[in-house]
Amino acid sequence: MAATPESLVKAKIKAILKAHNIYYAMPIGTGYGNSGVPDFLCCINGHFVAIEAKAGKGQATALQIKNLDAIQKCGGHPMIIREDNYEYLENVIKECMNMELKNDASSTSNY
């Protein structure tokens, strides 16, 4: 089966995240989950980053934009990554790696 253009973008994003040892999850939209959730939910040095992958001239749906806006309003960093802006993702990763957390996450751990 041939890879779709968007699956190639997702594969590149995965490679970038793995190269930086970044935790990520790829939620699967089902009837039991939330629709419009970004393709990648990441934790980069304690910072929440949400990535929607698009290929070519593909546009985010209204529901995807609503979710990305909600993430931004809550202090997360949402983005749309496509073939021409992988460098933006690399820059966000570098910025997050250089930022200190506002709260000590280890003090709230219950495990």
C-alpha atoms as a PDB file:
ATOM      1  CA  MET A   1       0.000   0.000   0.000  1.00  0.00           C
ATOM      2  CA  ALA A   2       1.423   3.382  -1.014  1.00  0.00           C
ATOM      3  CA  ALA A   3       2.017   5.974   1.655  1.00  0.00           C
ATOM      4  CA  THR A   4      -0.224   9.023   1.552  1.00  0.00           C
ATOM      5  CA  PRO A   5       1.349  12.501   1.548  1.00  0.00           C
ATOM      6  CA  GLU A   6       0.041  13.114   5.075  1.00  0.00           C
ATOM      7  CA  SER A   7       1.433   9.796   6.331  1.00  0.00           C
ATOM      8  CA  LEU A   8       4.855  10.892   5.049  1.00  0.00           C
ATOM      9  CA  VAL A   9       4.548  14.131   7.051  1.00  0.00           C
ATOM     10  CA  LYS A  10       3.591  12.122  10.148  1.00  0.00           C
ATOM     11  CA  ALA A  11       6.560   9.808   9.640  1.00  0.00           C
ATOM     12  CA  LYS A  12       8.925  12.795   9.455  1.00  0.00           C
ATOM     13  CA  ILE A  13       7.394  14.323  12.595  1.00  0.00           C
ATOM     14  CA  LYS A  14       7.834  10.990  14.423  1.00  0.00           C
ATOM     15  CA  ALA A  15      11.472  10.854  13.324  1.00  0.00           C
ATOM     16  CA  ILE A  16      12.116  14.373  14.617  1.00  0.00           C
ATOM     17  CA  LEU A  17      10.433  13.649  17.961  1.00  0.00           C
ATOM     18  CA  LYS A  18      12.286  10.355  18.380  1.00  0.00           C
ATOM     19  CA  ALA A  19      15.620  11.987  17.500  1.00  0.00           C
ATOM     20  CA  HIS A  20      15.094  14.351  20.447  1.00  0.00           C
ATOM     21  CA  ASN A  21      13.772  11.616  22.814  1.00  0.00           C
ATOM     22  CA  ILE A  22      10.437  13.410  23.154  1.00  0.00           C
ATOM     23  CA  TYR A  23       7.410  11.699  24.635  1.00  0.00           C
ATOM     24  CA  TYR A  24       4.438  11.767  22.289  1.00  0.00           C
ATOM     25  CA  ALA A  25       1.098  10.053  21.835  1.00  0.00           C
ATOM     26  CA  MET A  26      -1.012   9.797  18.720  1.00  0.00           C
ATOM     27  CA  PRO A  27      -4.663   9.666  19.747  1.00  0.00           C
ATOM     28  CA  ILE A  28      -6.959   7.728  17.456  1.00  0.00           C
ATOM     29  CA  GLY A  29     -10.282   9.350  16.716  1.00  0.00           C
ATOM     30  CA  THR A  30     -13.105   6.914  17.361  1.00  0.00           C
ATOM     31  CA  GLY A  31     -16.728   7.145  18.322  1.00  0.00           C
ATOM     32  CA  TYR A  32     -15.638   6.967  21.964  1.00  0.00           C
ATOM     33  CA  GLY A  33     -12.936   9.650  21.822  1.00  0.00           C
ATOM     34  CA  ASN A  34     -12.796  13.369  21.169  1.00  0.00           C
ATOM     35  CA  SER A  35     -12.989  14.408  17.536  1.00  0.00           C
ATOM     36  CA  GLY A  36     -10.579  16.993  16.175  1.00  0.00           C
ATOM     37  CA  VAL A  37      -7.747  16.152  18.587  1.00  0.00           C
ATOM     38  CA  PRO A  38      -4.327  16.933  17.025  1.00  0.00           C
ATOM     39  CA  ASP A  39      -2.323  14.066  15.526  1.00  0.00           C
ATOM     40  CA  PHE A  40       0.491  14.300  18.111  1.00  0.00           C
ATOM     41  CA  LEU A  41       0.294  15.235  21.788  1.00  0.00           C
ATOM     42  CA  CYS A  42       3.803  15.836  23.122  1.00  0.00           C
ATOM     43  CA  CYS A  43       5.562  16.660  26.340  1.00  0.00           C
ATOM     44  CA  ILE A  44       8.777  18.564  25.651  1.00  0.00           C
ATOM     45  CA  ASN A  45      10.731  19.358  28.811  1.00  0.00           C
ATOM     46  CA  GLY A  46       7.441  19.686  30.681  1.00  0.00           C
ATOM     47  CA  HIS A  47       5.749  21.798  27.995  1.00  0.00           C
ATOM     48  CA  PHE A  48       2.594  20.654  26.215  1.00  0.00           C
ATOM     49  CA  VAL A  49       2.914  20.737  22.429  1.00  0.00           C
ATOM     50  CA  ALA A  50       0.131  19.644  20.065  1.00  0.00           C
ATOM     51  CA  ILE A  51       0.881  18.941  16.410  1.00  0.00           C
ATOM     52  CA  GLU A  52      -1.588  18.602  13.568  1.00  0.00           C
ATOM     53  CA  ALA A  53       0.013  17.106  10.447  1.00  0.00           C
ATOM     54  CA  LYS A  54      -1.113  18.306   7.028  1.00  0.00           C
ATOM     55  CA  ALA A  55       0.263  17.698   3.561  1.00  0.00           C
ATOM     56  CA  GLY A  56       0.296  20.002   0.566  1.00  0.00           C
ATOM     57  CA  LYS A  57      -2.542  22.478   0.675  1.00  0.00           C
ATOM     58  CA  GLY A  58      -4.553  20.416   3.165  1.00  0.00           C
ATOM     59  CA  GLN A  59      -6.431  22.577   5.633  1.00  0.00           C
ATOM     60  CA  ALA A  60      -7.350  21.924   9.245  1.00  0.00           C
ATOM     61  CA  THR A  61     -11.049  21.381   9.832  1.00  0.00           C
ATOM     62  CA  ALA A  62     -13.082  23.801  11.925  1.00  0.00           C
ATOM     63  CA  LEU A  63     -13.093  21.259  14.771  1.00  0.00           C
ATOM     64  CA  GLN A  64      -9.303  20.844  14.575  1.00  0.00           C
ATOM     65  CA  ILE A  65      -8.865  24.637  14.693  1.00  0.00           C
ATOM     66  CA  LYS A  66     -11.227  24.790  17.691  1.00  0.00           C
ATOM     67  CA  ASN A  67      -9.069  22.231  19.521  1.00  0.00           C
ATOM     68  CA  LEU A  68      -5.808  23.978  18.608  1.00  0.00           C
ATOM     69  CA  ASP A  69      -7.254  27.292  19.845  1.00  0.00           C
ATOM     70  CA  ALA A  70      -8.359  25.673  23.128  1.00  0.00           C
ATOM     71  CA  ILE A  71      -4.876  24.236  23.650  1.00  0.00           C
ATOM     72  CA  GLN A  72      -3.312  27.652  23.088  1.00  0.00           C
ATOM     73  CA  LYS A  73      -5.749  29.325  25.506  1.00  0.00           C
ATOM     74  CA  CYS A  74      -4.702  26.798  28.175  1.00  0.00           C
ATOM     75  CA  GLY A  75      -1.022  27.634  27.745  1.00  0.00           C
ATOM     76  CA  GLY A  76      -0.039  24.820  25.384  1.00  0.00           C
ATOM     77  CA  HIS A  77       1.752  25.259  22.105  1.00  0.00           C
ATOM     78  CA  PRO A  78      -0.347  24.097  19.134  1.00  0.00           C
ATOM     79  CA  MET A  79       0.973  23.962  15.584  1.00  0.00           C
ATOM     80  CA  ILE A  80       0.271  22.660  12.125  1.00  0.00           C
ATOM     81  CA  ILE A  81       3.279  20.999  10.531  1.00  0.00           C
ATOM     82  CA  ARG A  82       3.558  20.259   6.825  1.00  0.00           C
ATOM     83  CA  GLU A  83       6.357  19.462   4.401  1.00  0.00           C
ATOM     84  CA  ASP A  84       7.608  23.047   4.249  1.00  0.00           C
ATOM     85  CA  ASN A  85       7.903  23.869   7.972  1.00  0.00           C
ATOM     86  CA  TYR A  86       9.694  21.025   9.781  1.00  0.00           C
ATOM     87  CA  GLU A  87      12.250  23.662  10.814  1.00  0.00           C
ATOM     88  CA  TYR A  88       9.538  25.364  12.873  1.00  0.00           C
ATOM     89  CA  LEU A  89       9.035  22.163  14.862  1.00  0.00           C
ATOM     90  CA  GLU A  90      12.798  21.870  15.397  1.00  0.00           C
ATOM     91  CA  ASN A  91      12.879  25.474  16.678  1.00  0.00           C
ATOM     92  CA  VAL A  92       9.982  24.898  19.085  1.00  0.00           C
ATOM     93  CA  ILE A  93      11.745  21.808  20.431  1.00  0.00           C
ATOM     94  CA  LYS A  94      14.938  23.813  21.021  1.00  0.00           C
ATOM     95  CA  GLU A  95      12.995  26.596  22.751  1.00  0.00           C
ATOM     96  CA  CYS A  96      11.149  24.153  25.022  1.00  0.00           C
ATOM     97  CA  MET A  97      14.379  22.344  25.897  1.00  0.00           C
ATOM     98  CA  ASN A  98      15.921  25.668  26.972  1.00  0.00           C
ATOM     99  CA  MET A  99      12.942  26.865  29.055  1.00  0.00           C
ATOM    100  CA  GLU A 100      12.645  26.130  32.725  1.00  0.00           C
ATOM    101  CA  LEU A 101       9.386  24.839  34.134  1.00  0.00           C
ATOM    102  CA  LYS A 102       7.273  27.183  36.215  1.00  0.00           C
ATOM    103  CA  ASN A 103       6.344  24.349  38.578  1.00  0.00           C
ATOM    104  CA  ASP A 104       8.383  21.439  39.865  1.00  0.00           C
ATOM    105  CA  ALA A 105       6.568  18.523  38.230  1.00  0.00           C
ATOM    106  CA  SER A 106       8.354  15.963  40.439  1.00  0.00           C
ATOM    107  CA  SER A 107       6.737  17.365  43.569  1.00  0.00           C
ATOM    108  CA  THR A 108       3.254  16.416  42.352  1.00  0.00           C
ATOM    109  CA  SER A 109       4.034  12.852  41.270  1.00  0.00           C
ATOM    110  CA  ASN A 110       1.884  10.136  42.790  1.00  0.00           C
ATOM    111  CA  TYR A 111       3.795   7.139  41.467  1.00  0.00           C
END
